[in-house]
N, C-alpha and C. Protein backbone atom coordinates (compact mmCIF):
# COMPACT_ATOMS: atom_id res chain seq x y z
N MET A 1 41.59 -86.49 88.38
CA MET A 1 41.57 -85.87 87.06
C MET A 1 40.22 -85.18 86.87
N THR A 2 40.25 -83.95 86.43
CA THR A 2 39.03 -83.18 86.20
C THR A 2 38.36 -83.64 84.91
N GLU A 3 37.05 -83.79 84.96
CA GLU A 3 36.29 -84.12 83.77
C GLU A 3 35.71 -82.85 83.17
N TYR A 4 35.80 -82.70 81.88
CA TYR A 4 35.27 -81.54 81.19
C TYR A 4 34.12 -81.97 80.30
N LYS A 5 33.22 -81.04 80.04
CA LYS A 5 32.03 -81.35 79.25
C LYS A 5 32.39 -81.69 77.80
N PHE A 6 33.36 -81.00 77.24
CA PHE A 6 33.77 -81.21 75.86
C PHE A 6 35.28 -81.36 75.81
N PRO A 7 35.82 -81.98 74.82
CA PRO A 7 35.20 -82.73 73.73
C PRO A 7 34.78 -84.12 74.19
N ILE A 8 33.97 -84.76 73.37
CA ILE A 8 33.50 -86.11 73.68
C ILE A 8 33.72 -87.02 72.47
N GLY A 9 33.64 -88.32 72.71
CA GLY A 9 33.71 -89.31 71.63
C GLY A 9 34.95 -89.19 70.76
N SER A 10 34.72 -89.25 69.45
CA SER A 10 35.84 -89.21 68.50
C SER A 10 36.52 -87.85 68.51
N TYR A 11 35.78 -86.78 68.88
CA TYR A 11 36.41 -85.46 68.98
C TYR A 11 37.47 -85.47 70.08
N LYS A 12 37.19 -86.15 71.19
CA LYS A 12 38.16 -86.27 72.29
C LYS A 12 39.38 -87.04 71.81
N LYS A 13 39.16 -88.10 71.05
CA LYS A 13 40.28 -88.88 70.51
C LYS A 13 41.14 -88.01 69.61
N ASN A 14 40.51 -87.19 68.75
CA ASN A 14 41.26 -86.27 67.88
C ASN A 14 42.08 -85.29 68.70
N MET A 15 41.49 -84.74 69.76
CA MET A 15 42.20 -83.78 70.61
C MET A 15 43.37 -84.45 71.33
N ASP A 16 43.16 -85.67 71.83
CA ASP A 16 44.24 -86.39 72.50
C ASP A 16 45.40 -86.65 71.53
N GLU A 17 45.09 -86.98 70.28
CA GLU A 17 46.14 -87.18 69.27
C GLU A 17 46.87 -85.87 68.98
N PHE A 18 46.12 -84.78 68.90
CA PHE A 18 46.72 -83.45 68.71
C PHE A 18 47.69 -83.16 69.84
N LEU A 19 47.26 -83.36 71.08
CA LEU A 19 48.12 -83.08 72.23
C LEU A 19 49.33 -84.00 72.27
N ALA A 20 49.15 -85.26 71.88
CA ALA A 20 50.26 -86.21 71.88
C ALA A 20 51.38 -85.79 70.94
N SER A 21 51.04 -85.02 69.91
CA SER A 21 52.04 -84.59 68.93
C SER A 21 52.87 -83.40 69.42
N LEU A 22 52.51 -82.84 70.57
CA LEU A 22 53.19 -81.65 71.10
C LEU A 22 54.13 -82.02 72.24
N PRO A 23 55.21 -81.24 72.44
CA PRO A 23 56.11 -81.50 73.56
C PRO A 23 55.40 -81.29 74.90
N ASP A 24 55.79 -82.05 75.91
CA ASP A 24 55.13 -81.98 77.21
C ASP A 24 55.31 -80.64 77.92
N ASP A 25 56.48 -80.04 77.81
CA ASP A 25 56.79 -78.87 78.62
C ASP A 25 56.85 -77.56 77.84
N LYS A 26 56.41 -77.56 76.61
CA LYS A 26 56.50 -76.36 75.79
C LYS A 26 55.12 -75.73 75.59
N MET A 27 55.08 -74.40 75.74
CA MET A 27 53.83 -73.68 75.49
C MET A 27 53.54 -73.67 74.00
N PHE A 28 52.26 -73.83 73.66
CA PHE A 28 51.83 -73.72 72.28
C PHE A 28 50.67 -72.73 72.25
N TYR A 29 50.40 -72.18 71.07
CA TYR A 29 49.40 -71.13 70.94
C TYR A 29 48.22 -71.60 70.12
N VAL A 30 47.02 -71.35 70.66
CA VAL A 30 45.79 -71.76 70.00
C VAL A 30 44.82 -70.58 69.97
N ARG A 31 43.94 -70.62 68.99
CA ARG A 31 42.86 -69.64 68.93
C ARG A 31 41.62 -70.34 69.50
N LEU A 32 41.09 -69.79 70.58
CA LEU A 32 39.94 -70.40 71.24
C LEU A 32 38.65 -69.61 71.05
N ARG A 33 38.77 -68.38 70.59
CA ARG A 33 37.61 -67.55 70.25
C ARG A 33 37.94 -66.85 68.95
N PRO A 34 36.91 -66.56 68.15
CA PRO A 34 37.20 -65.87 66.88
C PRO A 34 37.93 -64.54 67.09
N GLU A 35 37.68 -63.87 68.20
CA GLU A 35 38.31 -62.57 68.42
C GLU A 35 39.66 -62.66 69.12
N ASP A 36 40.17 -63.85 69.35
CA ASP A 36 41.49 -64.02 69.96
C ASP A 36 42.58 -63.91 68.93
N CYS A 37 43.67 -63.27 69.33
CA CYS A 37 44.88 -63.38 68.51
C CYS A 37 45.38 -64.81 68.68
N SER A 38 45.65 -65.18 69.88
CA SER A 38 45.98 -66.56 70.26
C SER A 38 46.21 -66.55 71.76
N CYS A 39 46.12 -67.70 72.36
CA CYS A 39 46.43 -67.78 73.79
C CYS A 39 47.39 -68.94 74.00
N GLY A 40 48.26 -68.75 74.96
CA GLY A 40 49.24 -69.77 75.26
C GLY A 40 48.67 -70.87 76.14
N CYS A 41 48.97 -72.09 75.81
CA CYS A 41 48.51 -73.26 76.58
C CYS A 41 49.67 -74.22 76.75
N PHE A 42 49.55 -75.01 77.78
CA PHE A 42 50.39 -76.19 77.97
C PHE A 42 49.47 -77.39 77.88
N LYS A 43 50.03 -78.57 77.64
CA LYS A 43 49.21 -79.77 77.55
C LYS A 43 48.30 -79.93 78.77
N HIS A 44 48.87 -79.69 79.96
CA HIS A 44 48.11 -79.95 81.18
C HIS A 44 47.02 -78.91 81.44
N THR A 45 47.00 -77.81 80.71
CA THR A 45 45.94 -76.80 80.89
C THR A 45 45.02 -76.69 79.69
N PHE A 46 45.31 -77.42 78.63
CA PHE A 46 44.58 -77.26 77.38
C PHE A 46 43.08 -77.49 77.52
N TYR A 47 42.66 -78.62 78.08
CA TYR A 47 41.23 -78.92 78.16
C TYR A 47 40.50 -77.91 79.07
N GLN A 48 41.15 -77.49 80.13
CA GLN A 48 40.53 -76.49 81.00
C GLN A 48 40.32 -75.18 80.24
N ARG A 49 41.36 -74.71 79.56
CA ARG A 49 41.24 -73.46 78.78
C ARG A 49 40.21 -73.60 77.68
N LEU A 50 40.21 -74.74 77.01
CA LEU A 50 39.25 -74.99 75.93
C LEU A 50 37.82 -74.87 76.46
N ASN A 51 37.53 -75.52 77.56
CA ASN A 51 36.19 -75.52 78.12
C ASN A 51 35.80 -74.18 78.73
N GLU A 52 36.74 -73.44 79.25
CA GLU A 52 36.44 -72.15 79.86
C GLU A 52 36.32 -71.02 78.84
N GLU A 53 37.08 -71.09 77.76
CA GLU A 53 37.19 -69.93 76.88
C GLU A 53 36.49 -70.05 75.53
N MET A 54 36.34 -71.26 75.00
CA MET A 54 35.68 -71.37 73.71
C MET A 54 34.17 -71.35 73.91
N PRO A 55 33.45 -70.49 73.17
CA PRO A 55 31.99 -70.49 73.28
C PRO A 55 31.41 -71.88 73.00
N VAL A 56 30.39 -72.27 73.78
CA VAL A 56 29.83 -73.62 73.71
C VAL A 56 29.38 -73.98 72.30
N TYR A 57 28.81 -73.03 71.56
CA TYR A 57 28.37 -73.32 70.19
C TYR A 57 29.52 -73.88 69.37
N PHE A 58 30.68 -73.26 69.49
CA PHE A 58 31.85 -73.73 68.75
C PHE A 58 32.45 -74.97 69.41
N LEU A 59 32.54 -74.96 70.72
CA LEU A 59 33.17 -76.05 71.46
C LEU A 59 32.51 -77.40 71.19
N SER A 60 31.20 -77.41 71.10
CA SER A 60 30.49 -78.67 70.91
C SER A 60 30.72 -79.28 69.53
N SER A 61 31.24 -78.49 68.58
CA SER A 61 31.50 -78.99 67.23
C SER A 61 32.98 -78.98 66.86
N CYS A 62 33.84 -78.65 67.81
CA CYS A 62 35.28 -78.60 67.55
C CYS A 62 35.82 -80.02 67.56
N HIS A 63 36.39 -80.43 66.44
CA HIS A 63 36.89 -81.81 66.38
C HIS A 63 38.38 -81.89 66.15
N GLY A 64 39.09 -80.81 66.34
CA GLY A 64 40.54 -80.87 66.22
C GLY A 64 41.15 -79.49 66.04
N PHE A 65 42.46 -79.48 65.91
CA PHE A 65 43.20 -78.25 65.66
C PHE A 65 44.23 -78.53 64.58
N LYS A 66 44.48 -77.51 63.75
CA LYS A 66 45.53 -77.62 62.73
C LYS A 66 46.40 -76.38 62.85
N GLN A 67 47.65 -76.55 62.49
CA GLN A 67 48.59 -75.44 62.60
C GLN A 67 48.37 -74.47 61.44
N GLY A 68 48.18 -73.20 61.78
CA GLY A 68 48.00 -72.16 60.78
C GLY A 68 49.33 -71.64 60.28
N GLU A 69 49.26 -70.71 59.34
CA GLU A 69 50.48 -70.15 58.74
C GLU A 69 51.36 -69.44 59.76
N SER A 70 50.75 -68.84 60.79
CA SER A 70 51.51 -68.10 61.79
C SER A 70 52.10 -69.01 62.86
N GLY A 71 51.79 -70.30 62.83
CA GLY A 71 52.26 -71.23 63.85
C GLY A 71 51.24 -71.46 64.94
N THR A 72 50.23 -70.62 65.00
CA THR A 72 49.14 -70.78 65.95
C THR A 72 48.25 -71.93 65.49
N TYR A 73 47.76 -72.71 66.43
CA TYR A 73 46.86 -73.80 66.10
C TYR A 73 45.43 -73.28 66.02
N GLU A 74 44.79 -73.56 64.91
CA GLU A 74 43.44 -73.10 64.63
C GLU A 74 42.45 -74.24 64.81
N PRO A 75 41.29 -73.97 65.39
CA PRO A 75 40.30 -75.04 65.57
C PRO A 75 39.68 -75.46 64.24
N VAL A 76 39.27 -76.71 64.19
CA VAL A 76 38.59 -77.26 63.02
C VAL A 76 37.23 -77.75 63.51
N PHE A 77 36.19 -77.37 62.76
CA PHE A 77 34.82 -77.66 63.15
C PHE A 77 34.10 -78.46 62.07
N THR A 78 32.87 -78.84 62.39
CA THR A 78 32.00 -79.40 61.36
C THR A 78 31.76 -78.30 60.33
N ARG A 79 31.34 -78.67 59.15
CA ARG A 79 31.26 -77.73 58.01
C ARG A 79 30.45 -76.47 58.33
N VAL A 80 29.26 -76.62 58.85
CA VAL A 80 28.39 -75.47 59.12
C VAL A 80 28.98 -74.57 60.20
N VAL A 81 29.49 -75.18 61.26
CA VAL A 81 30.07 -74.40 62.34
C VAL A 81 31.36 -73.74 61.90
N GLN A 82 32.13 -74.39 61.02
CA GLN A 82 33.35 -73.76 60.48
C GLN A 82 32.99 -72.49 59.72
N ALA A 83 31.91 -72.52 58.96
CA ALA A 83 31.47 -71.31 58.24
C ALA A 83 31.11 -70.20 59.22
N ALA A 84 30.46 -70.54 60.32
CA ALA A 84 30.11 -69.54 61.34
C ALA A 84 31.36 -68.98 61.99
N TRP A 85 32.34 -69.84 62.30
CA TRP A 85 33.61 -69.39 62.89
C TRP A 85 34.32 -68.44 61.92
N ASN A 86 34.41 -68.83 60.64
CA ASN A 86 35.08 -68.00 59.65
C ASN A 86 34.39 -66.65 59.50
N ALA A 87 33.06 -66.63 59.53
CA ALA A 87 32.32 -65.37 59.44
C ALA A 87 32.58 -64.50 60.66
N ALA A 88 32.58 -65.10 61.85
CA ALA A 88 32.83 -64.34 63.08
C ALA A 88 34.26 -63.80 63.08
N TYR A 89 35.21 -64.60 62.62
CA TYR A 89 36.60 -64.15 62.57
C TYR A 89 36.76 -63.02 61.55
N SER A 90 36.13 -63.14 60.40
CA SER A 90 36.19 -62.08 59.39
C SER A 90 35.60 -60.77 59.92
N GLU A 91 34.49 -60.88 60.63
CA GLU A 91 33.86 -59.69 61.22
C GLU A 91 34.78 -59.05 62.25
N TYR A 92 35.44 -59.87 63.06
CA TYR A 92 36.40 -59.36 64.04
C TYR A 92 37.53 -58.62 63.33
N LEU A 93 38.09 -59.22 62.27
CA LEU A 93 39.19 -58.57 61.55
C LEU A 93 38.74 -57.26 60.92
N LYS A 94 37.52 -57.20 60.40
CA LYS A 94 36.99 -55.97 59.83
C LYS A 94 36.87 -54.89 60.91
N ASP A 95 36.30 -55.25 62.05
CA ASP A 95 36.16 -54.29 63.16
C ASP A 95 37.53 -53.82 63.65
N LYS A 96 38.48 -54.74 63.73
CA LYS A 96 39.82 -54.39 64.19
C LYS A 96 40.49 -53.43 63.20
N ALA A 97 40.33 -53.69 61.91
CA ALA A 97 40.92 -52.82 60.89
C ALA A 97 40.33 -51.41 60.97
N GLU A 98 39.02 -51.33 61.18
CA GLU A 98 38.38 -50.02 61.32
C GLU A 98 38.90 -49.29 62.56
N TRP A 99 39.04 -50.00 63.65
CA TRP A 99 39.53 -49.39 64.90
C TRP A 99 40.98 -48.91 64.70
N CYS A 100 41.80 -49.74 64.08
CA CYS A 100 43.20 -49.37 63.83
C CYS A 100 43.30 -48.18 62.89
N ALA A 101 42.44 -48.12 61.88
CA ALA A 101 42.46 -46.98 60.95
C ALA A 101 42.11 -45.70 61.68
N LYS A 102 41.22 -45.80 62.65
CA LYS A 102 40.80 -44.63 63.41
C LYS A 102 41.79 -44.24 64.51
N TRP A 103 42.29 -45.23 65.25
CA TRP A 103 43.09 -44.97 66.44
C TRP A 103 44.55 -45.38 66.33
N GLY A 104 44.91 -46.14 65.33
CA GLY A 104 46.28 -46.64 65.17
C GLY A 104 46.47 -47.97 65.87
N CYS A 105 47.42 -48.73 65.40
CA CYS A 105 47.73 -50.06 65.95
C CYS A 105 49.23 -50.25 66.00
N ASP A 106 49.64 -51.14 66.89
CA ASP A 106 51.06 -51.51 66.96
C ASP A 106 51.32 -52.68 66.05
């Protein structure tokens, strides 16, 4: 079994509980970076994707995931880091809206 740097301690327990609530063979969608729409994961690839794709600043404070309105699972952080994630995501949405206004979007 591969060991990953994050999550640790109670955050790892929270993540294990999150994964236990999901079907073994079904893909689920998570946001791992503020600029992601979402990425597909399976239980057996989740920790690898989490450690490879989420920036360390966010990863070290990620203590769980909750299902968003779109069905995608959104990360939950400590209060200060959550504010940074929300600001980064808002900035991404603003930039995307400007790009779409200029070039069009599907």
